[in-house]
Amino acid sequence: MPAHRVAASVETADLGSYQQAARLMLLHGVVTESYPRAKALALVLQWADELAKDFRDLFGYSLQTSARHARLLRRLDAFDASQAFLTVKSKRPFDRRRLAYLCLILACLHRSRVEINLADLVKLLTPSANTIEHLGFDATAPGHKDAVVDVMDWLVDRGALRTSDGSMEDWARDHDRGDALFDIDHDTCAALFRPNKPLQHLVSAAGLLDTPTAGTGRDPRRRFAAQRARRLLIEYPVVYFSETDAETSIALRQPTLAEDIARLTGLPVERRAEGIMLVDTTGHFTDKRFPGRGGAVNRTAGLILAKIADLREDPDRASSLHYLLPTDPGEEHADLLSRIDMALPQAGTLEALAHDPHADDGEHAAEADPDAREHEGQTGLPFVEDGTLEQMITELYEEFGPSSFTNKWQADPGGLLAEAVALLADLRLVHIVPGGILVRPAAGRYRNITAVLPRPAHDGQFALDFPTEETSR
């Protein structure tokens, strides 16, 4: 029997434990004594050496460990808007204010001793925030204190801080009288923010991305493409061959890729004509379960997919569907990059430490194969207009009753539709374009989703959750 390239030193009896540790690190990125749960860190540390080797060889990732934390340092091939920090209580994505406060608060904690109270931390935060245009901090301004509380909750949840006295809620109600005292774990704080390059000296956000070294030959490019293919499979819900370059697409089709990822994670790899995906059979290796227990948004997203399937399978209505080519992913990413770069400060950048990632574009373009852009030959995707989507959500409210979509959404079908479509886009089941959405191939696997969705009760009200036997995507 040939030796395995992944988990080479792990005995068969221990492989399940090793795979669980790998899934923990890939899903959470940071594991501490309390996050994401007790004993998780002990499991990861048990396999730290083997995990570090496999993460490095497969993905180019670095695993750093100490007695109190484990941190997986990823390398990015592209920016992805779907991987957001979520608030602990409401599970809402961090907005720009919360992300900015998180960075500033970590900087304040770095300059603090072993403990700090919230009032003093805010005194350190305020002048730093007020030097940034359109940010600032004002305890009387709507949303500012809530943002601080969300950031502190996030840090406490990950073990970077421990509340030893007082209450953040008391401070939020009355910042002149309420307060909270925190013990600081500086080791974990340092692990949470550890960029690969000094951010203050970047001339473009693209400097954070992993790119082949200029002048590399064909074999190194192929190795880089294979590494990029593994990253795509492990980081995204589904990978479409048409959206990758030729060398990455070839790597995605190699049997060894599926074998390596399946042995690392313990999860099966499913390949179809249009793409490839890692299927979460555990129900715990995903940050967005679908279909699953996810409240009104998750449920509505499934019902919208069912209606889209009905539309496509109805001979009379399907004939009116338009098929459009999606935007070149490279162009979309370049547009996102340019918008990020608009906010970069240029003052204080040291030219010796700066790197312009666009300087080598011409050389790489000259080296590229003529057929390197496989997506140019792809077929069009079904286009569903915004008006059709609005009609669908109206029909759902009429069928199930507004109160079935919880108090938050019963008077806001438009808002619920927007959240449901955003979830489907994050799952790479649809692609949002001006005027509507393009339905991606993987949405077809949910064409019979109504068979697993709960039906309304006799009083016409819709169940608030999925059945317990329902598994994740």
Protein backbone atom coordinates (compact mmCIF):
# COMPACT_ATOMS: atom_id res chain seq x y z
CA MET A 1 0.00 0.00 0.00
CA PRO A 2 1.50 3.40 -0.94
CA ALA A 3 2.33 5.83 1.84
CA HIS A 4 -0.06 8.74 2.36
CA ARG A 5 1.19 12.25 1.71
CA VAL A 6 -1.22 13.70 4.30
CA ALA A 7 -1.26 12.65 7.98
CA ALA A 8 1.65 10.40 7.09
CA SER A 9 2.60 9.65 10.69
CA VAL A 10 -0.97 9.28 12.01
CA GLU A 11 -2.15 5.76 12.82
CA THR A 12 -5.44 4.65 11.31
CA ALA A 13 -7.06 4.39 14.74
CA ASP A 14 -6.15 8.03 15.47
CA LEU A 15 -7.12 9.48 12.09
CA GLY A 16 -10.57 10.64 13.23
CA SER A 17 -9.05 12.63 16.10
CA TYR A 18 -6.49 14.18 13.75
CA GLN A 19 -9.16 15.14 11.22
CA GLN A 20 -11.29 16.75 13.93
CA ALA A 21 -8.30 18.87 14.98
CA ALA A 22 -7.69 19.89 11.35
CA ARG A 23 -11.34 20.92 10.93
CA LEU A 24 -11.20 22.95 14.13
CA MET A 25 -8.22 24.98 12.93
CA LEU A 26 -9.54 25.50 9.41
CA LEU A 27 -12.95 26.61 10.65
CA HIS A 28 -11.95 28.87 13.53
CA GLY A 29 -8.42 30.03 12.70
CA VAL A 30 -7.75 30.66 16.40
CA VAL A 31 -8.23 28.08 19.15
CA THR A 32 -7.70 28.99 22.80
CA GLU A 33 -8.35 27.41 26.19
CA SER A 34 -11.98 28.59 26.04
CA TYR A 35 -12.64 29.05 22.31
CA PRO A 36 -14.42 27.56 20.46
CA ARG A 37 -15.02 25.14 23.33
CA ALA A 38 -13.24 23.51 26.23
CA LYS A 39 -10.67 20.82 25.34
CA ALA A 40 -10.44 21.99 21.72
CA LEU A 41 -6.97 23.42 22.30
CA ALA A 42 -5.73 20.19 23.88
CA LEU A 43 -6.87 18.27 20.80
CA VAL A 44 -5.10 20.66 18.42
CA LEU A 45 -1.87 20.68 20.45
CA GLN A 46 -1.87 16.88 20.44
CA TRP A 47 -1.46 16.95 16.64
CA ALA A 48 0.36 20.28 16.30
CA ASP A 49 3.48 18.96 14.55
CA GLU A 50 1.57 16.88 11.99
CA LEU A 51 -0.94 19.67 11.36
CA ALA A 52 1.79 22.26 10.87
CA LYS A 53 3.46 20.11 8.23
CA ASP A 54 0.27 19.32 6.33
CA PHE A 55 -1.02 22.90 6.41
CA ARG A 56 2.33 24.13 5.09
CA ASP A 57 2.66 21.47 2.38
CA LEU A 58 -0.95 21.60 1.17
CA PHE A 59 -1.85 25.28 1.49
CA GLY A 60 1.26 27.25 2.37
CA TYR A 61 -0.39 28.12 5.71
CA SER A 62 1.54 28.49 8.98
CA LEU A 63 0.33 26.97 12.26
CA GLN A 64 1.70 28.73 15.32
CA THR A 65 1.06 27.26 18.76
CA SER A 66 1.75 28.00 22.39
CA ALA A 67 0.50 26.49 25.63
CA ARG A 68 -2.49 28.85 25.52
CA HIS A 69 -3.46 29.17 21.86
CA ALA A 70 -3.13 27.85 18.33
CA ARG A 71 -3.23 30.25 15.36
CA LEU A 72 -3.52 29.37 11.68
CA LEU A 73 -1.97 32.07 9.48
CA ARG A 74 -3.56 31.87 6.06
CA ARG A 75 -2.25 33.17 2.75
CA LEU A 76 -4.85 34.87 0.58
CA ASP A 77 -5.20 34.45 -3.18
CA ALA A 78 -8.09 36.94 -3.41
CA PHE A 79 -10.25 39.08 -1.17
CA ASP A 80 -13.55 37.51 -0.20
CA ALA A 81 -16.43 39.52 1.22
CA SER A 82 -18.22 36.44 2.55
CA GLN A 83 -15.84 35.74 5.44
CA ALA A 84 -16.88 38.35 7.97
CA PHE A 85 -16.33 38.66 11.71
CA LEU A 86 -19.66 38.07 13.48
CA THR A 87 -20.89 39.62 16.70
CA VAL A 88 -21.17 37.10 19.51
CA LYS A 89 -24.81 37.67 20.47
CA SER A 90 -26.63 38.79 17.33
CA LYS A 91 -24.35 36.99 14.83
CA ARG A 92 -24.35 40.08 12.64
CA PRO A 93 -21.27 40.88 10.52
CA PHE A 94 -18.88 43.50 11.83
CA ASP A 95 -19.30 46.80 10.04
CA ARG A 96 -16.40 49.15 9.31
CA ARG A 97 -16.75 50.87 12.69
CA ARG A 98 -16.47 47.59 14.59
CA LEU A 99 -13.51 46.43 12.52
CA ALA A 100 -11.74 49.75 13.12
CA TYR A 101 -12.50 49.67 16.84
CA LEU A 102 -11.20 46.09 17.03
CA CYS A 103 -7.83 47.11 15.58
CA LEU A 104 -7.57 50.19 17.80
CA ILE A 105 -8.59 48.31 20.94
CA LEU A 106 -6.03 45.58 20.28
CA ALA A 107 -3.40 48.32 19.94
CA CYS A 108 -4.53 49.81 23.25
CA LEU A 109 -4.37 46.43 24.96
CA HIS A 110 -0.85 45.92 23.61
CA ARG A 111 0.24 49.03 25.52
CA SER A 112 -1.57 48.00 28.73
CA ARG A 113 -0.48 45.87 31.66
CA VAL A 114 -2.14 42.63 32.80
CA GLU A 115 -5.56 44.18 33.43
CA ILE A 116 -7.60 47.19 32.38
CA ASN A 117 -11.06 48.55 33.08
CA LEU A 118 -13.40 49.50 30.29
CA ALA A 119 -13.55 53.19 31.21
CA ASP A 120 -9.76 53.52 30.95
CA LEU A 121 -9.71 51.53 27.71
CA VAL A 122 -12.24 53.90 26.18
CA LYS A 123 -10.10 56.85 27.26
CA LEU A 124 -7.23 55.32 25.28
CA LEU A 125 -9.47 54.49 22.32
CA THR A 126 -11.14 57.89 21.98
CA PRO A 127 -8.19 60.05 20.83
CA SER A 128 -7.02 57.37 18.40
CA ALA A 129 -10.50 57.01 16.92
CA ASN A 130 -11.00 60.78 16.73
CA THR A 131 -7.90 61.22 14.57
CA ILE A 132 -9.54 59.06 11.87
CA GLU A 133 -11.92 60.92 9.61
CA HIS A 134 -15.53 59.68 9.74
CA LEU A 135 -14.74 57.26 12.61
CA GLY A 136 -14.27 58.89 16.02
CA PHE A 137 -15.79 57.85 19.32
CA ASP A 138 -18.48 59.68 21.24
CA ALA A 139 -20.25 57.90 24.08
CA THR A 140 -23.41 59.90 23.35
CA ALA A 141 -23.43 59.14 19.60
CA PRO A 142 -25.86 56.42 18.49
CA GLY A 143 -24.17 53.09 17.94
CA HIS A 144 -20.69 53.98 19.22
CA LYS A 145 -21.00 52.27 22.60
CA ASP A 146 -22.79 49.31 21.07
CA ALA A 147 -19.85 48.86 18.69
CA VAL A 148 -17.37 48.86 21.59
CA VAL A 149 -19.45 46.29 23.49
CA ASP A 150 -19.61 44.03 20.42
CA VAL A 151 -15.83 44.19 20.01
CA MET A 152 -15.21 43.48 23.70
CA ASP A 153 -17.65 40.54 23.59
CA TRP A 154 -15.75 39.17 20.58
CA LEU A 155 -12.42 39.40 22.43
CA VAL A 156 -13.86 37.83 25.59
CA ASP A 157 -15.39 35.01 23.56
CA ARG A 158 -11.94 34.14 22.11
CA GLY A 159 -10.16 34.26 25.44
CA ALA A 160 -8.15 37.42 24.74
CA LEU A 161 -9.92 39.09 27.67
CA ARG A 162 -11.56 37.74 30.81
CA THR A 163 -14.14 39.74 32.75
CA SER A 164 -13.04 39.75 36.39
CA ASP A 165 -15.41 42.38 37.77
CA GLY A 166 -18.29 44.59 36.73
CA SER A 167 -20.40 44.42 33.59
CA MET A 168 -20.20 45.81 30.08
CA GLU A 169 -23.99 46.13 30.08
CA ASP A 170 -23.78 48.45 33.11
CA TRP A 171 -21.24 50.61 31.28
CA ALA A 172 -23.39 50.65 28.15
CA ARG A 173 -26.39 51.84 30.17
CA ASP A 174 -24.47 54.53 32.06
CA HIS A 175 -20.82 55.04 31.12
CA ASP A 176 -20.30 57.50 33.98
CA ARG A 177 -21.26 54.96 36.66
CA GLY A 178 -20.96 51.48 35.15
CA ASP A 179 -17.65 49.80 34.42
CA ALA A 180 -16.00 46.42 33.88
CA LEU A 181 -12.54 45.09 34.70
CA PHE A 182 -10.71 42.72 32.34
CA ASP A 183 -7.69 40.46 32.65
CA ILE A 184 -5.63 40.62 29.44
CA ASP A 185 -4.11 37.60 27.72
CA HIS A 186 -1.43 39.38 25.70
CA ASP A 187 -0.36 36.18 23.98
CA THR A 188 -3.82 35.64 22.52
CA CYS A 189 -4.24 39.32 21.65
CA ALA A 190 -1.03 39.18 19.62
CA ALA A 191 -2.21 36.02 17.88
CA LEU A 192 -5.52 37.58 16.80
CA PHE A 193 -3.89 40.30 14.71
CA ARG A 194 -0.80 39.04 12.94
CA PRO A 195 -0.61 40.22 9.31
CA ASN A 196 1.92 38.65 6.97
CA LYS A 197 3.36 42.06 6.05
CA PRO A 198 3.65 45.48 7.74
CA LEU A 199 0.37 47.10 6.72
CA GLN A 200 1.54 50.67 7.12
CA HIS A 201 4.02 50.27 4.26
CA LEU A 202 1.74 48.74 1.63
CA VAL A 203 1.01 50.85 -1.44
CA SER A 204 -1.87 48.53 -2.39
CA ALA A 205 -4.00 46.02 -0.54
CA ALA A 206 -2.93 43.54 -3.21
CA GLY A 207 0.38 43.34 -1.35
CA LEU A 208 -1.42 41.12 1.15
CA LEU A 209 -2.18 38.53 -1.52
CA ASP A 210 -0.03 35.52 -2.29
CA THR A 211 1.33 35.74 -5.83
CA PRO A 212 3.93 33.71 -7.74
CA THR A 213 7.41 35.16 -7.75
CA ALA A 214 8.20 37.11 -10.90
CA GLY A 215 10.00 35.04 -13.51
CA THR A 216 8.90 31.65 -12.22
CA GLY A 217 8.92 28.86 -14.75
CA ARG A 218 6.16 26.49 -15.73
CA ASP A 219 6.77 23.87 -13.01
CA PRO A 220 6.77 26.35 -10.08
CA ARG A 221 3.61 27.92 -11.54
CA ARG A 222 1.97 24.52 -11.62
CA ARG A 223 2.90 23.88 -7.98
CA PHE A 224 1.47 27.27 -7.07
CA ALA A 225 -1.71 26.48 -9.04
CA ALA A 226 -2.08 23.17 -7.18
CA GLN A 227 -1.70 24.98 -3.86
CA ARG A 228 -4.25 27.58 -4.93
CA ALA A 229 -6.66 24.82 -5.98
CA ARG A 230 -6.47 23.22 -2.52
CA ARG A 231 -7.09 26.58 -0.88
CA LEU A 232 -10.15 27.18 -3.04
CA LEU A 233 -11.63 23.81 -2.16
CA ILE A 234 -11.09 24.22 1.57
CA GLU A 235 -12.17 27.88 1.84
CA TYR A 236 -15.20 28.14 -0.47
CA PRO A 237 -18.57 26.33 -0.43
CA VAL A 238 -18.14 25.38 -4.11
CA VAL A 239 -15.49 26.02 -6.75
CA TYR A 240 -16.50 26.41 -10.40
CA PHE A 241 -14.00 25.34 -13.02
CA SER A 242 -15.11 28.19 -15.30
CA GLU A 243 -14.02 30.79 -12.74
CA THR A 244 -10.43 29.61 -12.44
CA ASP A 245 -7.43 29.88 -14.74
CA ALA A 246 -6.44 26.87 -16.83
CA GLU A 247 -3.68 25.57 -14.54
CA THR A 248 -5.83 25.82 -11.40
CA SER A 249 -8.71 24.12 -13.20
CA ILE A 250 -6.42 21.23 -14.18
CA ALA A 251 -5.21 20.93 -10.57
CA LEU A 252 -8.79 20.85 -9.28
CA ARG A 253 -9.48 17.82 -11.49
CA GLN A 254 -6.52 15.77 -10.22
CA PRO A 255 -7.48 12.69 -8.13
CA THR A 256 -4.69 13.40 -5.64
CA LEU A 257 -6.30 16.72 -4.67
CA ALA A 258 -9.50 15.01 -3.56
CA GLU A 259 -7.57 12.26 -1.81
CA ASP A 260 -5.39 14.70 0.14
CA ILE A 261 -8.26 16.95 1.25
CA ALA A 262 -10.48 14.02 2.17
CA ARG A 263 -7.74 12.47 4.30
CA LEU A 264 -7.00 15.81 6.01
CA THR A 265 -10.61 16.67 6.84
CA GLY A 266 -12.42 13.34 6.87
CA LEU A 267 -14.99 14.81 4.46
CA PRO A 268 -15.87 13.62 0.95
CA VAL A 269 -15.11 15.67 -2.16
CA GLU A 270 -17.90 15.86 -4.72
CA ARG A 271 -17.02 16.66 -8.33
CA ARG A 272 -19.47 17.57 -11.08
CA ALA A 273 -19.04 18.78 -14.65
CA GLU A 274 -19.25 22.42 -13.56
CA GLY A 275 -17.13 22.33 -10.42
CA ILE A 276 -16.06 20.70 -7.18
CA MET A 277 -17.01 21.01 -3.52
CA LEU A 278 -16.12 19.63 -0.10
CA VAL A 279 -19.31 18.21 1.46
CA ASP A 280 -19.77 18.79 5.18
CA THR A 281 -21.24 15.51 6.39
CA THR A 282 -20.52 16.39 10.05
CA GLY A 283 -22.72 19.48 10.19
CA HIS A 284 -19.98 21.35 12.06
CA PHE A 285 -17.42 22.31 9.42
CA THR A 286 -19.08 25.43 8.07
CA ASP A 287 -19.79 28.97 9.20
CA LYS A 288 -23.07 29.04 7.22
CA ARG A 289 -25.25 25.95 7.51
CA PHE A 290 -27.60 25.45 4.60
CA PRO A 291 -30.15 24.11 4.72
CA GLY A 292 -30.25 23.95 8.48
CA ARG A 293 -31.21 25.73 11.64
CA GLY A 294 -30.74 29.30 10.61
CA GLY A 295 -33.96 31.14 11.32
CA ALA A 296 -36.06 33.08 8.85
CA VAL A 297 -33.22 34.07 6.50
CA ASN A 298 -31.94 30.52 6.03
CA ARG A 299 -35.45 29.19 5.56
CA THR A 300 -36.42 31.90 3.10
CA ALA A 301 -33.27 31.32 1.06
CA GLY A 302 -34.30 27.69 0.67
CA LEU A 303 -37.83 28.64 -0.36
CA ILE A 304 -36.49 31.13 -2.92
CA LEU A 305 -34.33 28.37 -4.43
CA ALA A 306 -37.41 26.16 -4.62
CA LYS A 307 -39.31 28.87 -6.48
CA ILE A 308 -36.42 29.41 -8.87
CA ALA A 309 -36.39 25.67 -9.56
CA ASP A 310 -40.13 25.77 -10.26
CA LEU A 311 -39.57 28.69 -12.63
CA ARG A 312 -36.85 26.86 -14.55
CA GLU A 313 -38.84 23.62 -14.80
CA ASP A 314 -42.09 25.26 -15.94
CA PRO A 315 -42.04 25.01 -19.77
CA ASP A 316 -44.19 28.11 -20.21
CA ARG A 317 -42.16 30.32 -17.90
CA ALA A 318 -38.69 28.86 -18.56
CA SER A 319 -38.84 29.98 -22.18
CA SER A 320 -38.87 33.59 -21.01
CA LEU A 321 -35.68 33.23 -18.97
CA HIS A 322 -32.64 35.10 -20.19
CA TYR A 323 -29.16 33.57 -19.95
CA LEU A 324 -26.26 35.93 -19.28
CA LEU A 325 -22.53 35.52 -18.94
CA PRO A 326 -21.26 36.44 -15.48
CA THR A 327 -18.76 39.22 -15.11
CA ASP A 328 -15.13 38.23 -15.40
CA PRO A 329 -14.12 37.34 -11.79
CA GLY A 330 -10.76 39.02 -12.38
CA GLU A 331 -12.46 42.28 -13.32
CA GLU A 332 -14.72 42.13 -10.27
CA HIS A 333 -11.75 41.49 -7.99
CA ALA A 334 -9.76 44.32 -9.58
CA ASP A 335 -12.71 46.66 -8.98
CA LEU A 336 -12.92 45.59 -5.32
CA LEU A 337 -9.18 46.07 -4.94
CA SER A 338 -9.29 49.57 -6.40
CA ARG A 339 -12.08 50.54 -3.99
CA ILE A 340 -10.07 49.25 -1.02
CA ASP A 341 -6.98 51.12 -2.19
CA MET A 342 -8.90 54.39 -2.32
CA ALA A 343 -8.91 54.38 1.48
CA LEU A 344 -5.22 53.60 1.94
CA PRO A 345 -3.19 56.40 3.53
CA GLN A 346 0.00 57.18 1.59
CA ALA A 347 1.75 59.38 4.12
CA GLY A 348 4.55 57.65 6.01
CA THR A 349 4.97 54.76 3.59
CA LEU A 350 8.58 53.65 3.35
CA GLU A 351 9.42 52.90 -0.28
CA ALA A 352 12.04 50.34 0.72
CA LEU A 353 9.38 48.26 2.49
CA ALA A 354 6.63 48.84 -0.04
CA HIS A 355 5.87 46.44 -2.85
CA ASP A 356 3.72 47.26 -5.84
CA PRO A 357 2.04 43.95 -6.75
CA HIS A 358 1.02 45.35 -10.14
CA ALA A 359 4.62 45.81 -11.29
CA ASP A 360 4.88 42.20 -12.45
CA ASP A 361 1.49 42.01 -14.16
CA GLY A 362 2.93 42.44 -17.62
CA GLU A 363 5.50 39.72 -17.15
CA HIS A 364 2.94 37.24 -15.86
CA ALA A 365 0.57 38.10 -18.69
CA ALA A 366 3.30 37.36 -21.21
CA GLU A 367 3.97 33.98 -19.59
CA ALA A 368 0.31 32.97 -19.45
CA ASP A 369 -1.02 30.37 -21.82
CA PRO A 370 -3.38 31.66 -24.53
CA ASP A 371 -6.19 29.51 -23.12
CA ALA A 372 -5.49 30.41 -19.48
CA ARG A 373 -8.87 32.12 -19.10
CA GLU A 374 -11.14 29.10 -19.27
CA HIS A 375 -14.14 31.06 -18.06
CA GLU A 376 -14.27 32.90 -21.40
CA GLY A 377 -15.79 29.78 -22.93
CA GLN A 378 -18.46 29.24 -20.31
CA THR A 379 -22.17 29.21 -21.06
CA GLY A 380 -24.63 31.75 -19.78
CA LEU A 381 -26.42 31.46 -16.44
CA PRO A 382 -30.18 31.90 -15.88
CA PHE A 383 -30.98 35.51 -15.01
CA VAL A 384 -33.78 36.15 -12.50
CA GLU A 385 -34.85 39.77 -12.35
CA ASP A 386 -35.38 41.71 -9.14
CA GLY A 387 -39.07 42.06 -9.98
CA THR A 388 -39.43 38.27 -10.20
CA LEU A 389 -37.67 37.83 -6.86
CA GLU A 390 -39.99 40.40 -5.28
CA GLN A 391 -42.97 38.50 -6.66
CA MET A 392 -41.58 35.30 -5.12
CA ILE A 393 -41.23 36.79 -1.63
CA THR A 394 -44.74 38.25 -1.90
CA GLU A 395 -46.10 34.79 -2.75
CA LEU A 396 -44.26 33.27 0.23
CA TYR A 397 -45.77 35.84 2.61
CA GLU A 398 -49.23 35.12 1.19
CA GLU A 399 -48.75 31.35 1.45
CA PHE A 400 -47.27 31.14 4.96
CA GLY A 401 -48.45 34.38 6.57
CA PRO A 402 -46.22 37.32 7.58
CA SER A 403 -46.00 36.22 11.23
CA SER A 404 -44.30 33.01 10.12
CA PHE A 405 -41.18 35.01 9.27
CA THR A 406 -40.65 36.23 12.86
CA ASN A 407 -41.38 39.65 14.30
CA LYS A 408 -38.26 41.13 12.76
CA TRP A 409 -39.28 40.40 9.17
CA GLN A 410 -43.07 40.16 9.14
CA ALA A 411 -43.41 43.77 7.98
CA ASP A 412 -40.22 43.84 5.91
CA PRO A 413 -40.37 41.29 3.07
CA GLY A 414 -37.93 43.36 1.01
CA GLY A 415 -35.32 43.30 3.77
CA LEU A 416 -35.75 39.55 4.26
CA LEU A 417 -35.38 38.98 0.51
CA ALA A 418 -32.14 40.99 0.46
CA GLU A 419 -30.71 38.97 3.37
CA ALA A 420 -31.73 35.66 1.80
CA VAL A 421 -30.18 36.56 -1.55
CA ALA A 422 -27.00 37.70 0.19
CA LEU A 423 -26.78 34.31 1.95
CA LEU A 424 -27.22 32.47 -1.36
CA ALA A 425 -24.49 34.64 -2.87
CA ASP A 426 -22.14 33.86 0.04
CA LEU A 427 -22.80 30.17 -0.57
CA ARG A 428 -21.96 30.70 -4.25
CA LEU A 429 -25.38 29.46 -5.32
CA VAL A 430 -26.29 32.74 -7.01
CA HIS A 431 -24.34 35.72 -8.28
CA ILE A 432 -25.73 39.21 -7.68
CA VAL A 433 -25.70 41.48 -10.73
CA PRO A 434 -27.39 44.81 -11.48
CA GLY A 435 -31.12 44.18 -11.83
CA GLY A 436 -31.22 40.66 -10.40
CA ILE A 437 -29.24 37.47 -9.86
CA LEU A 438 -27.56 34.80 -11.95
CA VAL A 439 -28.34 31.26 -10.82
CA ARG A 440 -25.16 29.25 -10.47
CA PRO A 441 -24.94 25.50 -11.25
CA ALA A 442 -24.68 24.31 -7.62
CA ALA A 443 -28.16 25.70 -6.92
CA GLY A 444 -29.46 22.71 -8.86
CA ARG A 445 -28.63 20.36 -5.99
CA TYR A 446 -31.41 22.07 -3.99
CA ARG A 447 -34.12 21.80 -6.66
CA ASN A 448 -36.06 19.39 -4.39
CA ILE A 449 -35.41 21.37 -1.22
CA THR A 450 -39.13 21.62 -0.42
CA ALA A 451 -39.05 17.90 0.40
CA VAL A 452 -36.98 18.67 3.52
CA LEU A 453 -38.49 22.04 4.41
CA PRO A 454 -41.16 21.99 7.13
CA ARG A 455 -44.73 22.60 6.03
CA PRO A 456 -47.07 25.06 7.72
CA ALA A 457 -49.16 23.80 10.60
CA HIS A 458 -52.93 23.46 10.41
CA ASP A 459 -53.32 27.07 11.52
CA GLY A 460 -51.29 28.16 8.51
CA GLN A 461 -48.27 29.23 10.55
CA PHE A 462 -44.81 28.26 9.39
CA ALA A 463 -42.50 26.32 11.71
CA LEU A 464 -39.68 28.44 13.12
CA ASP A 465 -36.95 25.85 12.59
CA PHE A 466 -35.87 22.99 10.40
CA PRO A 467 -36.38 19.41 11.60
CA THR A 468 -33.67 18.07 13.89
CA GLU A 469 -32.60 15.47 11.36
CA GLU A 470 -31.75 18.09 8.74
CA THR A 471 -28.05 18.23 7.98
CA SER A 472 -25.86 21.03 6.77
CA ARG A 473 -24.80 21.57 3.20
